[in-house]
Amino acid sequence: MADELSGRVEGVKDARDLVELATTEDSVEELLRRGLDWLTRVVRFDLATLFLLRDGKLVSVAARGPLANAKVRHHALPLSEFPSLRQALETRRARAFTEEDHSHGDGDPFDGVLDLPPGHACMVVPLCAGERSYGVLTLDRAECETYPQPVVDLVEVYGQMLATALQAAEQRATFERLHRQDHEHAKLLEAQLGGESEGILETSLSTVMRDLARRARQVAETDTPVLITGETGTGKERLARAIHRWSSRADEPFVTLNCAAIPAGLLESELFGHLKGSFTGATKDRAGRFQMAHGGTLLLDEVGELPVELQAKLLRAIQEKAFEPVGSDKTVRADVRILAATHVDLQRAIAEKRFREDLYYRLSVFPLRLPPLRERREDLPQLCAFLLEEQARRTGRRGMRVSPAGLARLASYEWPGNLRELANALERATILATGTELGPSSFDITSHAGATSTAPQLEASAVPGVVDATMKPGSVLTLAAVQREHILRVLALTRGRVYGPGGAAALLGLKPSTLQSRMKKLGIARQEQFVVDEV
């Protein structure tokens, strides 16, 4: 038995190495072959065969020993015909016997494949880990003496380690498959969003947006950091995605981090990653956004909200392309193109010591300002068309359009929420619409926005792209006359009602007191009723 246990310590060490190999070895078959090679250092045998469970059969995937041949390596056994093998899987215990002395009614597993002597020694070792049964390991030798129990115990431990290695390989394969699916989905989404952003930028009518698109394309060809500024909802992330799509890094990851959405205590870990046990709740190693974006682009959204104590580490990571994960003293390098976005006035934040000046100059090598929607009303027709098409893919409501009068209604509003608020208004209108055309009454933008607009309702001709060709210079009214006429028409529509839902003040987007003051200034007397014919 001493010979049987020779190499025991070394063999168990090799089995542990086998589990580590499972995290890097692509082929399960190769993993099993390596396992059998190591098994030869633990116990003597004439044939060692690894069977994996596949569709109710035990299929041979690897074999070692003097008796191994091509037939053995492609042998399949119906599990229902071999009770001893089935019992090993059910009990999860290894068992040694001679071919003559067991009474399970098995036939010879290698009948017609090998010519083993009657009464030869056999061992069956189940390969089980967690809730899974992966197969069995069988050992056969021509001698008629049963394997000693210490040897069986040792090979059983080895089989457990081999099953753990199989489980690790399976989990790794599953992880990589899901990772590939996620990456492909992200690539499709990124291409879709990037394409939409490009379309919105490049088909804009406004001079300011056409110039912005031209400058964005120029800087996209470089690795220069870009600082995108603008009010909330102006589309800063859309612009960042477009820059990424226009760059040489388009096929690499586009990763975002909203610095305002994550608690300050977790931001360092989110940026740079952490090691297991580096803080409470760190149950495993985790890569940060810098590592995820390696080779691609990292967007630091709302960078103005980044805590001052973390800004120095960010500056170093940008300058040196190197950082240390939380809990580690090992430097990690990542090739990342940095884009930053903020609605905060960073110059003011610098003056108030809330933002580092050196970080500001590192981020703002090439600044781009996205104008608010109220500064580019001429883009409304194109923006509405793009946003409705974007929503159609989610809601299935295709063919929706905004009428000229509806565009006039949208153009009369100040849009404090900018592009995001416009998208919400269009989505609400689409949900409530009974047809495919969205008119002025489709947009309840004043009450939903929580703000009032002092701009008068515009006629369709006031919206770019909706031109009244009959207008002559001599027919142009003064602004006061236009306001007076428009208020009279609305009062006629509401039959003199100023207050409440559906009243003139609500339709005009004014406070009732403001409307009354304006009526008094324009000489509109308060009457009990207004009739349309009187206007």
Protein backbone atom coordinates (compact mmCIF):
# COMPACT_ATOMS: atom_id res chain seq x y z
CA MET A 1 0.00 0.00 0.00
CA ALA A 2 2.97 2.28 0.48
CA ASP A 3 3.50 2.17 -3.26
CA GLU A 4 -0.16 2.97 -3.79
CA LEU A 5 0.17 6.17 -1.76
CA SER A 6 3.44 7.33 -3.25
CA GLY A 7 3.20 10.90 -4.39
CA ARG A 8 0.08 11.48 -2.27
CA VAL A 9 1.05 14.96 -1.03
CA GLU A 10 2.30 16.01 -4.43
CA GLY A 11 -0.84 14.65 -6.10
CA VAL A 12 -3.19 16.58 -3.80
CA LYS A 13 -1.19 19.75 -4.46
CA ASP A 14 -1.56 19.14 -8.17
CA ALA A 15 -5.32 18.76 -7.71
CA ARG A 16 -5.47 22.18 -6.10
CA ASP A 17 -3.51 23.56 -9.03
CA LEU A 18 -6.15 21.97 -11.25
CA VAL A 19 -8.87 24.15 -9.70
CA GLU A 20 -6.78 27.24 -10.47
CA LEU A 21 -6.25 26.00 -14.02
CA ALA A 22 -10.02 25.90 -14.48
CA THR A 23 -10.13 29.71 -14.32
CA THR A 24 -7.84 30.04 -17.35
CA GLU A 25 -8.19 26.89 -19.46
CA ASP A 26 -10.61 27.35 -22.37
CA SER A 27 -11.21 23.65 -23.17
CA VAL A 28 -12.93 21.43 -20.61
CA GLU A 29 -11.56 18.39 -22.42
CA GLU A 30 -8.02 19.71 -22.06
CA LEU A 31 -8.67 20.35 -18.39
CA LEU A 32 -9.75 16.74 -17.92
CA ARG A 33 -6.79 15.38 -19.82
CA ARG A 34 -4.46 17.39 -17.61
CA GLY A 35 -6.30 16.02 -14.59
CA LEU A 36 -5.70 12.45 -15.69
CA ASP A 37 -2.03 13.16 -16.27
CA TRP A 38 -1.75 14.28 -12.68
CA LEU A 39 -3.73 11.27 -11.46
CA THR A 40 -0.97 8.95 -12.68
CA ARG A 41 1.20 10.41 -9.91
CA VAL A 42 -1.27 9.38 -7.18
CA VAL A 43 -2.31 5.77 -7.86
CA ARG A 44 -1.49 2.86 -10.15
CA PHE A 45 -3.97 1.81 -12.82
CA ASP A 46 -4.13 0.22 -16.25
CA LEU A 47 -7.02 2.41 -17.37
CA ALA A 48 -8.44 5.64 -15.98
CA THR A 49 -11.47 6.99 -17.78
CA LEU A 50 -13.40 10.24 -17.30
CA PHE A 51 -17.10 10.08 -18.16
CA LEU A 52 -19.31 13.20 -18.30
CA LEU A 53 -23.11 13.13 -18.05
CA ARG A 54 -24.75 14.08 -21.33
CA ASP A 55 -28.43 13.42 -22.09
CA GLY A 56 -28.71 10.47 -19.67
CA LYS A 57 -25.51 8.86 -20.85
CA LEU A 58 -22.00 8.74 -19.47
CA VAL A 59 -19.77 9.75 -22.35
CA SER A 60 -16.03 9.13 -22.23
CA VAL A 61 -14.08 12.36 -22.82
CA ALA A 62 -10.58 11.33 -21.74
CA ALA A 63 -8.63 8.19 -20.89
CA ARG A 64 -5.15 7.36 -19.66
CA GLY A 65 -3.16 4.19 -19.05
CA PRO A 66 -1.70 1.25 -20.98
CA LEU A 67 -5.15 0.01 -21.99
CA ALA A 68 -6.45 3.35 -23.26
CA ASN A 69 -7.32 3.30 -26.95
CA ALA A 70 -9.42 5.24 -29.44
CA LYS A 71 -12.56 3.18 -28.71
CA VAL A 72 -12.31 3.88 -24.97
CA ARG A 73 -11.98 7.63 -25.60
CA HIS A 74 -15.31 7.70 -27.47
CA HIS A 75 -17.24 5.19 -25.37
CA ALA A 76 -20.80 5.95 -24.15
CA LEU A 77 -22.72 4.13 -21.39
CA PRO A 78 -26.50 4.43 -20.82
CA LEU A 79 -26.70 5.28 -17.12
CA SER A 80 -29.84 3.17 -16.67
CA GLU A 81 -27.92 -0.02 -17.55
CA PHE A 82 -25.16 0.42 -14.94
CA PRO A 83 -26.56 0.55 -11.38
CA SER A 84 -23.11 0.79 -9.78
CA LEU A 85 -22.34 3.97 -11.69
CA ARG A 86 -25.77 5.43 -10.96
CA GLN A 87 -25.41 4.58 -7.26
CA ALA A 88 -22.05 6.36 -7.07
CA LEU A 89 -23.68 9.52 -8.40
CA GLU A 90 -26.69 9.22 -6.08
CA THR A 91 -24.66 8.55 -2.92
CA ARG A 92 -21.79 10.82 -3.93
CA ARG A 93 -19.37 8.27 -2.50
CA ALA A 94 -16.47 6.48 -4.20
CA ARG A 95 -16.51 2.67 -4.19
CA ALA A 96 -13.89 0.01 -4.97
CA PHE A 97 -14.62 -3.61 -5.88
CA THR A 98 -13.54 -6.44 -8.15
CA GLU A 99 -15.46 -7.10 -11.31
CA GLU A 100 -16.65 -10.45 -9.92
CA ASP A 101 -17.64 -9.59 -6.37
CA HIS A 102 -20.10 -6.72 -6.85
CA SER A 103 -23.76 -7.69 -7.14
CA HIS A 104 -25.35 -4.73 -8.85
CA GLY A 105 -26.24 -6.55 -12.02
CA ASP A 106 -23.95 -4.37 -14.13
CA GLY A 107 -22.60 -5.58 -17.36
CA ASP A 108 -18.96 -4.94 -18.18
CA PRO A 109 -18.73 -1.19 -19.06
CA PHE A 110 -15.99 -1.99 -21.56
CA ASP A 111 -17.53 -5.14 -23.05
CA GLY A 112 -16.45 -5.33 -26.68
CA VAL A 113 -13.99 -2.50 -26.18
CA LEU A 114 -11.35 -4.02 -23.89
CA ASP A 115 -10.28 -7.54 -22.96
CA LEU A 116 -9.92 -7.23 -19.16
CA PRO A 117 -9.45 -10.42 -17.09
CA PRO A 118 -12.41 -11.63 -14.99
CA GLY A 119 -12.32 -10.33 -11.43
CA HIS A 120 -10.15 -7.31 -12.22
CA ALA A 121 -10.06 -4.43 -9.72
CA CYS A 122 -12.39 -1.45 -10.30
CA MET A 123 -13.02 1.91 -8.66
CA VAL A 124 -15.88 4.36 -9.36
CA VAL A 125 -15.48 7.97 -8.16
CA PRO A 126 -18.42 10.41 -8.55
CA LEU A 127 -17.65 13.93 -9.83
CA CYS A 128 -20.08 16.14 -7.90
CA ALA A 129 -19.91 19.80 -6.83
CA GLY A 130 -22.69 21.85 -5.32
CA GLU A 131 -26.00 20.62 -6.69
CA ARG A 132 -24.46 19.35 -9.92
CA SER A 133 -23.32 15.86 -10.86
CA TYR A 134 -20.84 16.10 -13.72
CA GLY A 135 -19.96 12.45 -14.26
CA VAL A 136 -17.70 9.71 -12.90
CA LEU A 137 -14.06 8.74 -12.88
CA THR A 138 -13.42 5.00 -13.27
CA LEU A 139 -10.15 3.22 -12.54
CA ASP A 140 -9.47 -0.34 -13.72
CA ARG A 141 -6.43 -2.58 -13.38
CA ALA A 142 -5.81 -6.16 -14.44
CA GLU A 143 -5.01 -7.33 -10.89
CA CYS A 144 -7.77 -9.05 -8.93
CA GLU A 145 -7.01 -7.33 -5.62
CA THR A 146 -9.45 -4.59 -4.57
CA TYR A 147 -8.08 -1.05 -4.19
CA PRO A 148 -7.27 -0.36 -0.49
CA GLN A 149 -9.65 2.07 1.30
CA PRO A 150 -6.97 4.74 1.93
CA VAL A 151 -6.39 4.86 -1.81
CA VAL A 152 -10.14 5.09 -2.44
CA ASP A 153 -10.39 7.96 0.07
CA LEU A 154 -7.54 9.79 -1.59
CA VAL A 155 -8.93 9.42 -5.11
CA GLU A 156 -12.36 10.48 -3.80
CA VAL A 157 -10.86 13.77 -2.55
CA TYR A 158 -9.11 14.13 -5.88
CA GLY A 159 -12.46 13.54 -7.64
CA GLN A 160 -14.09 16.27 -5.55
CA MET A 161 -11.35 18.69 -6.55
CA LEU A 162 -11.72 17.68 -10.18
CA ALA A 163 -15.49 18.28 -9.95
CA THR A 164 -14.81 21.70 -8.40
CA ALA A 165 -12.51 22.45 -11.32
CA LEU A 166 -15.28 21.43 -13.73
CA GLN A 167 -17.73 23.67 -11.88
CA ALA A 168 -15.28 26.59 -12.05
CA ALA A 169 -14.76 26.01 -15.77
CA GLU A 170 -18.52 25.89 -16.33
CA GLN A 171 -19.08 29.09 -14.36
CA ARG A 172 -16.27 30.78 -16.26
CA ALA A 173 -17.78 29.73 -19.59
CA THR A 174 -21.20 31.01 -18.48
CA PHE A 175 -19.71 34.30 -17.32
CA GLU A 176 -17.85 34.78 -20.60
CA ARG A 177 -20.97 33.97 -22.62
CA LEU A 178 -23.04 36.48 -20.67
CA HIS A 179 -20.22 39.00 -20.88
CA ARG A 180 -20.12 38.59 -24.67
CA GLN A 181 -23.89 39.01 -24.86
CA ASP A 182 -23.78 42.11 -22.66
CA HIS A 183 -20.91 43.54 -24.71
CA GLU A 184 -22.75 42.89 -27.97
CA HIS A 185 -25.94 44.41 -26.55
CA ALA A 186 -23.99 47.42 -25.29
CA LYS A 187 -22.35 47.81 -28.69
CA LEU A 188 -25.74 47.76 -30.43
CA LEU A 189 -27.20 50.23 -27.93
CA GLU A 190 -24.13 52.43 -28.18
CA ALA A 191 -24.29 52.42 -31.97
CA GLN A 192 -27.99 53.24 -31.86
CA LEU A 193 -27.61 56.08 -29.37
CA GLY A 194 -24.50 57.34 -31.10
CA GLY A 195 -26.26 57.32 -34.45
CA GLU A 196 -29.22 59.22 -33.04
CA SER A 197 -26.89 61.79 -31.48
CA GLU A 198 -25.05 62.24 -34.76
CA GLY A 199 -28.34 62.73 -36.58
CA ILE A 200 -29.61 65.34 -34.13
CA LEU A 201 -26.33 67.26 -34.31
CA GLU A 202 -25.75 67.13 -38.03
CA THR A 203 -29.27 67.90 -39.23
CA SER A 204 -29.84 70.84 -36.88
CA LEU A 205 -30.95 74.08 -38.52
CA SER A 206 -29.39 76.40 -35.95
CA THR A 207 -25.97 77.85 -36.70
CA VAL A 208 -24.81 77.25 -33.13
CA MET A 209 -25.53 73.49 -33.32
CA ARG A 210 -23.98 73.09 -36.77
CA ASP A 211 -20.83 74.77 -35.48
CA LEU A 212 -20.90 72.56 -32.37
CA ALA A 213 -21.11 69.41 -34.51
CA ARG A 214 -18.20 70.58 -36.66
CA ARG A 215 -15.98 71.23 -33.61
CA ALA A 216 -17.02 67.94 -31.96
CA ARG A 217 -16.00 66.00 -35.07
CA GLN A 218 -12.63 67.73 -35.11
CA VAL A 219 -11.79 66.93 -31.50
CA ALA A 220 -13.17 63.37 -31.80
CA GLU A 221 -10.20 62.46 -34.02
CA THR A 222 -7.81 63.15 -31.12
CA ASP A 223 -7.47 61.83 -27.55
CA THR A 224 -7.80 65.35 -26.13
CA PRO A 225 -9.98 65.63 -23.00
CA VAL A 226 -13.26 67.42 -23.67
CA LEU A 227 -15.37 69.34 -21.15
CA ILE A 228 -19.04 69.50 -22.15
CA THR A 229 -21.06 72.16 -20.34
CA GLY A 230 -24.71 73.06 -20.49
CA GLU A 231 -27.91 73.19 -18.51
CA THR A 232 -29.57 70.04 -17.23
CA GLY A 233 -31.28 68.11 -20.02
CA THR A 234 -29.46 69.69 -22.95
CA GLY A 235 -28.09 66.34 -24.14
CA LYS A 236 -24.53 66.31 -22.83
CA GLU A 237 -24.34 62.51 -22.73
CA ARG A 238 -25.68 62.30 -26.30
CA LEU A 239 -22.91 64.63 -27.46
CA ALA A 240 -20.32 62.55 -25.58
CA ARG A 241 -21.56 59.36 -27.26
CA ALA A 242 -21.36 61.04 -30.65
CA ILE A 243 -17.74 62.06 -29.98
CA HIS A 244 -16.94 58.46 -29.02
CA ARG A 245 -18.63 57.13 -32.18
CA TRP A 246 -16.66 59.57 -34.34
CA SER A 247 -13.34 58.62 -32.71
CA SER A 248 -10.83 55.85 -33.45
CA ARG A 249 -12.01 54.20 -30.19
CA ALA A 250 -15.53 53.61 -31.53
CA ASP A 251 -15.19 49.82 -31.33
CA GLU A 252 -14.01 49.94 -27.70
CA PRO A 253 -16.12 50.45 -24.53
CA PHE A 254 -17.97 53.67 -23.77
CA VAL A 255 -18.31 53.81 -19.97
CA THR A 256 -20.17 56.46 -17.96
CA LEU A 257 -20.01 57.46 -14.31
CA ASN A 258 -22.50 59.93 -12.87
CA CYS A 259 -20.51 61.58 -10.09
CA ALA A 260 -23.68 63.02 -8.51
CA ALA A 261 -25.57 59.73 -8.32
CA ILE A 262 -23.10 57.75 -6.16
CA PRO A 263 -22.39 58.38 -2.45
CA ALA A 264 -19.09 60.17 -1.90
CA GLY A 265 -17.70 57.25 0.13
CA LEU A 266 -18.12 54.85 -2.80
CA LEU A 267 -16.92 57.07 -5.63
CA GLU A 268 -13.25 56.11 -5.32
CA SER A 269 -14.15 52.42 -5.54
CA GLU A 270 -16.42 53.10 -8.53
CA LEU A 271 -13.65 54.96 -10.33
CA PHE A 272 -10.65 52.81 -9.52
CA GLY A 273 -12.06 49.49 -8.25
CA HIS A 274 -11.24 47.69 -5.00
CA LEU A 275 -9.83 44.47 -3.57
CA LYS A 276 -11.80 41.97 -1.54
CA GLY A 277 -11.87 42.96 2.14
CA SER A 278 -10.66 46.52 1.54
CA PHE A 279 -13.78 47.86 3.27
CA THR A 280 -17.04 46.60 4.76
CA GLY A 281 -19.12 45.06 2.02
CA ALA A 282 -16.18 44.42 -0.33
CA THR A 283 -16.82 40.69 -0.65
CA LYS A 284 -14.85 40.27 -3.87
CA ASP A 285 -12.40 42.09 -6.12
CA ARG A 286 -14.09 44.58 -8.41
CA ALA A 287 -12.85 46.53 -11.41
CA GLY A 288 -13.52 50.27 -11.51
CA ARG A 289 -14.77 52.39 -14.39
CA PHE A 290 -11.23 53.22 -15.50
CA GLN A 291 -10.45 49.52 -15.98
CA MET A 292 -13.79 48.89 -17.69
CA ALA A 293 -13.07 51.70 -20.16
CA HIS A 294 -9.55 50.52 -21.02
CA GLY A 295 -8.95 51.23 -24.70
CA GLY A 296 -12.18 53.23 -24.94
CA THR A 297 -13.83 56.34 -23.53
CA LEU A 298 -14.85 57.28 -19.98
CA LEU A 299 -17.52 59.95 -19.51
CA LEU A 300 -17.44 61.62 -16.09
CA ASP A 301 -20.95 63.03 -15.96
CA GLU A 302 -21.66 65.82 -13.46
CA VAL A 303 -17.93 66.02 -12.72
CA GLY A 304 -18.56 69.24 -10.79
CA GLU A 305 -20.09 67.13 -8.00
CA LEU A 306 -16.87 65.14 -7.45
CA PRO A 307 -15.58 65.50 -3.85
CA VAL A 308 -12.45 67.68 -3.57
CA GLU A 309 -10.49 64.92 -1.79
CA LEU A 310 -10.94 62.62 -4.79
CA GLN A 311 -10.07 65.20 -7.44
CA ALA A 312 -6.30 64.86 -6.90
CA LYS A 313 -6.46 61.08 -7.53
CA LEU A 314 -8.54 61.66 -10.64
CA LEU A 315 -6.02 64.21 -11.91
CA ARG A 316 -3.18 61.72 -11.50
CA ALA A 317 -5.15 58.95 -13.22
CA ILE A 318 -5.83 61.24 -16.19
CA GLN A 319 -2.25 62.53 -16.46
CA GLU A 320 -0.37 59.29 -15.86
CA LYS A 321 -3.04 56.80 -16.97
CA ALA A 322 -2.28 54.93 -13.73
CA PHE A 323 -3.99 54.42 -10.38
CA GLU A 324 -4.24 52.05 -7.40
CA PRO A 325 -7.51 50.23 -6.62
CA VAL A 326 -8.84 50.72 -3.10
CA GLY A 327 -6.97 48.40 -0.72
CA SER A 328 -4.13 47.74 -3.16
CA ASP A 329 -0.57 49.04 -3.42
CA LYS A 330 -0.24 47.73 -6.97
CA THR A 331 -0.40 50.30 -9.76
CA VAL A 332 -2.85 49.56 -12.55
CA ARG A 333 -2.55 51.21 -15.95
CA ALA A 334 -5.47 51.99 -18.25
CA ASP A 335 -5.53 53.69 -21.62
CA VAL A 336 -8.68 55.81 -21.39
CA ARG A 337 -9.95 58.86 -23.29
CA ILE A 338 -11.64 61.26 -20.84
CA LEU A 339 -14.81 63.22 -21.52
CA ALA A 340 -16.38 65.27 -18.72
CA ALA A 341 -19.78 66.92 -18.49
CA THR A 342 -21.34 69.31 -15.99
CA HIS A 343 -24.10 71.87 -15.55
CA VAL A 344 -22.14 73.50 -12.70
CA ASP A 345 -20.22 76.76 -13.20
CA LEU A 346 -16.74 75.31 -12.56
CA GLN A 347 -15.06 78.74 -12.53
CA ARG A 348 -17.29 79.71 -9.63
CA ALA A 349 -16.66 76.35 -7.97
CA ILE A 350 -12.91 77.02 -8.24
CA ALA A 351 -13.34 80.42 -6.60
CA GLU A 352 -15.30 78.76 -3.79
CA LYS A 353 -12.60 76.08 -3.36
CA ARG A 354 -14.99 73.30 -4.38
CA PHE A 355 -13.10 72.33 -7.52
CA ARG A 356 -9.37 72.08 -8.20
CA GLU A 357 -8.09 74.56 -10.73
CA ASP A 358 -5.44 72.15 -12.07
CA LEU A 359 -8.11 69.49 -12.68
CA TYR A 360 -10.29 72.04 -14.44
CA TYR A 361 -7.52 72.97 -16.87
CA ARG A 362 -6.76 69.29 -17.47
CA LEU A 363 -10.39 68.54 -18.32
CA SER A 364 -11.19 71.68 -20.30
CA VAL A 365 -8.49 71.44 -22.96
CA PHE A 366 -11.31 71.54 -25.50
CA PRO A 367 -14.55 72.95 -24.04
CA LEU A 368 -17.90 72.49 -25.77
CA ARG A 369 -21.03 74.31 -24.62
CA LEU A 370 -24.44 72.88 -25.41
CA PRO A 371 -26.95 75.74 -25.74
CA PRO A 372 -30.32 75.48 -23.99
CA LEU A 373 -33.35 74.69 -26.13
CA ARG A 374 -34.73 78.22 -25.84
CA GLU A 375 -31.65 79.47 -27.72
CA ARG A 376 -32.24 77.19 -30.69
CA ARG A 377 -36.00 77.04 -31.21
CA GLU A 378 -35.44 76.64 -34.96
CA ASP A 379 -34.27 73.06 -34.22
CA LEU A 380 -37.67 72.05 -32.78
CA PRO A 381 -39.05 70.41 -35.97
CA GLN A 382 -35.95 68.19 -36.34
CA LEU A 383 -35.75 67.45 -32.62
CA CYS A 384 -39.41 66.43 -32.46
CA ALA A 385 -39.00 64.15 -35.48
CA PHE A 386 -35.93 62.44 -33.97
CA LEU A 387 -37.44 62.04 -30.51
CA LEU A 388 -40.74 60.68 -31.86
CA GLU A 389 -38.86 58.12 -33.95
CA GLU A 390 -36.75 57.19 -30.93
CA GLN A 391 -39.90 56.70 -28.83
CA ALA A 392 -41.59 54.72 -31.61
CA ARG A 393 -39.01 51.96 -31.20
CA ARG A 394 -40.02 51.63 -27.54
CA THR A 395 -43.77 52.22 -27.71
CA GLY A 396 -44.63 50.97 -31.18
CA ARG A 397 -46.53 54.22 -31.92
CA ARG A 398 -45.12 54.95 -35.36
CA GLY A 399 -46.04 57.72 -37.78
CA MET A 400 -46.54 60.34 -35.06
CA ARG A 401 -45.91 63.97 -36.08
CA VAL A 402 -46.34 67.42 -34.58
CA SER A 403 -48.62 69.75 -36.54
CA PRO A 404 -47.51 73.32 -37.44
CA ALA A 405 -49.83 74.68 -34.75
CA GLY A 406 -48.39 72.15 -32.30
CA LEU A 407 -44.85 73.33 -33.15
CA ALA A 408 -46.00 76.89 -32.54
CA ARG A 409 -47.23 75.81 -29.10
CA LEU A 410 -43.87 74.16 -28.34
CA ALA A 411 -41.93 77.17 -29.62
CA SER A 412 -43.80 79.46 -27.23
CA TYR A 413 -42.44 77.65 -24.18
CA GLU A 414 -39.14 78.38 -22.41
CA TRP A 415 -38.17 74.70 -21.81
CA PRO A 416 -36.35 74.92 -18.47
CA GLY A 417 -35.77 71.14 -18.69
CA ASN A 418 -34.47 71.43 -22.25
CA LEU A 419 -34.24 68.32 -24.45
CA ARG A 420 -35.20 65.96 -21.63
CA GLU A 421 -38.36 67.93 -20.90
CA LEU A 422 -39.22 68.04 -24.61
CA ALA A 423 -38.84 64.26 -24.85
CA ASN A 424 -41.15 63.82 -21.84
CA ALA A 425 -43.75 66.19 -23.29
CA LEU A 426 -43.73 64.31 -26.60
CA GLU A 427 -44.02 60.94 -24.88
CA ARG A 428 -47.00 62.11 -22.80
CA ALA A 429 -48.66 63.51 -25.90
CA THR A 430 -48.05 60.30 -27.84
CA ILE A 431 -49.56 58.15 -25.10
CA LEU A 432 -52.73 60.28 -24.94
CA ALA A 433 -53.09 60.85 -28.68
CA THR A 434 -56.00 59.23 -30.53
CA GLY A 435 -54.47 59.86 -33.95
CA THR A 436 -51.04 60.40 -35.41
CA GLU A 437 -50.98 64.22 -35.35
CA LEU A 438 -50.05 66.15 -32.21
CA GLY A 439 -51.66 69.59 -32.12
CA PRO A 440 -51.50 72.46 -29.59
CA SER A 441 -53.98 70.79 -27.23
CA SER A 442 -51.73 67.71 -27.05
CA PHE A 443 -49.15 69.54 -24.95
CA ASP A 444 -49.93 70.39 -21.34
CA ILE A 445 -46.40 71.69 -20.92
CA THR A 446 -47.09 74.51 -18.46
CA SER A 447 -48.65 72.44 -15.68
CA HIS A 448 -46.23 69.52 -16.07
CA ALA A 449 -43.14 71.69 -16.14
CA GLY A 450 -44.01 73.40 -12.90
CA ALA A 451 -43.06 76.74 -14.43
CA THR A 452 -44.83 79.45 -16.38
CA SER A 453 -43.81 80.97 -19.64
CA THR A 454 -44.20 84.66 -20.32
CA ALA A 455 -43.87 84.11 -24.06
CA PRO A 456 -47.14 84.66 -25.99
CA GLN A 457 -48.57 81.88 -28.08
CA LEU A 458 -46.97 81.98 -31.52
CA GLU A 459 -48.74 81.59 -34.79
CA ALA A 460 -47.53 78.74 -37.02
CA SER A 461 -45.56 81.23 -39.14
CA ALA A 462 -43.38 82.05 -36.14
CA VAL A 463 -41.86 78.59 -36.11
CA PRO A 464 -38.88 78.00 -38.46
CA GLY A 465 -39.94 75.77 -41.30
CA VAL A 466 -43.60 76.87 -40.97
CA VAL A 467 -43.75 80.03 -43.12
CA ASP A 468 -46.73 82.23 -43.96
CA ALA A 469 -45.89 83.24 -47.51
CA THR A 470 -48.76 85.81 -47.61
CA MET A 471 -47.28 88.06 -44.91
CA LYS A 472 -46.33 91.54 -46.19
CA PRO A 473 -44.25 94.23 -44.42
CA GLY A 474 -47.25 96.56 -44.16
CA SER A 475 -49.34 93.86 -42.46
CA VAL A 476 -47.01 93.38 -39.50
CA LEU A 477 -48.76 94.32 -36.24
CA THR A 478 -47.12 95.75 -33.17
CA LEU A 479 -46.34 93.28 -30.40
CA ALA A 480 -48.99 94.87 -28.15
CA ALA A 481 -51.63 94.51 -30.87
CA VAL A 482 -50.71 90.87 -31.43
CA GLN A 483 -50.92 90.18 -27.70
CA ARG A 484 -54.27 91.97 -27.40
CA GLU A 485 -55.75 90.07 -30.33
CA HIS A 486 -54.45 86.73 -29.08
CA ILE A 487 -55.77 87.26 -25.55
CA LEU A 488 -59.19 88.23 -26.93
CA ARG A 489 -59.30 85.04 -29.01
CA VAL A 490 -58.39 82.89 -26.02
CA LEU A 491 -60.99 84.64 -23.85
CA ALA A 492 -63.54 84.00 -26.56
CA LEU A 493 -62.55 80.35 -26.56
CA THR A 494 -63.01 80.11 -22.76
CA ARG A 495 -66.10 82.39 -22.85
CA GLY A 496 -64.46 84.90 -20.55
CA ARG A 497 -63.19 82.43 -17.94
CA VAL A 498 -59.76 83.45 -16.66
CA TYR A 499 -59.25 81.13 -13.69
CA GLY A 500 -59.11 77.36 -13.26
CA PRO A 501 -58.25 74.42 -15.52
CA GLY A 502 -59.10 75.25 -19.10
CA GLY A 503 -59.28 78.94 -18.27
CA ALA A 504 -57.54 81.61 -20.33
CA ALA A 505 -54.64 81.95 -17.89
CA ALA A 506 -53.89 78.22 -18.05
CA LEU A 507 -54.07 78.14 -21.84
CA LEU A 508 -51.75 81.14 -22.13
CA GLY A 509 -49.28 79.77 -19.59
CA LEU A 510 -49.75 82.75 -17.27
CA LYS A 511 -50.72 83.27 -13.67
CA PRO A 512 -54.31 84.62 -13.47
CA SER A 513 -53.09 87.79 -11.76
CA THR A 514 -50.51 88.32 -14.53
CA LEU A 515 -53.17 87.87 -17.21
CA GLN A 516 -55.52 90.32 -15.50
CA SER A 517 -52.74 92.89 -15.23
CA ARG A 518 -51.89 92.45 -18.92
CA MET A 519 -55.56 92.73 -19.92
CA LYS A 520 -55.82 96.00 -18.03
CA LYS A 521 -52.66 97.33 -19.69
CA LEU A 522 -53.95 96.37 -23.15
CA GLY A 523 -57.37 97.90 -22.54
CA ILE A 524 -59.31 94.62 -22.44
CA ALA A 525 -62.34 95.12 -20.23
CA ARG A 526 -63.47 92.19 -18.05
CA GLN A 527 -66.86 91.01 -19.32
CA GLU A 528 -69.14 88.20 -18.27
CA GLN A 529 -68.96 86.51 -21.67
CA PHE A 530 -66.86 86.66 -24.81
CA VAL A 531 -68.30 85.40 -28.04
CA VAL A 532 -66.07 84.31 -30.86
CA ASP A 533 -67.87 86.54 -33.37
CA GLU A 534 -67.05 89.58 -31.25
CA VAL A 535 -63.29 89.15 -31.74
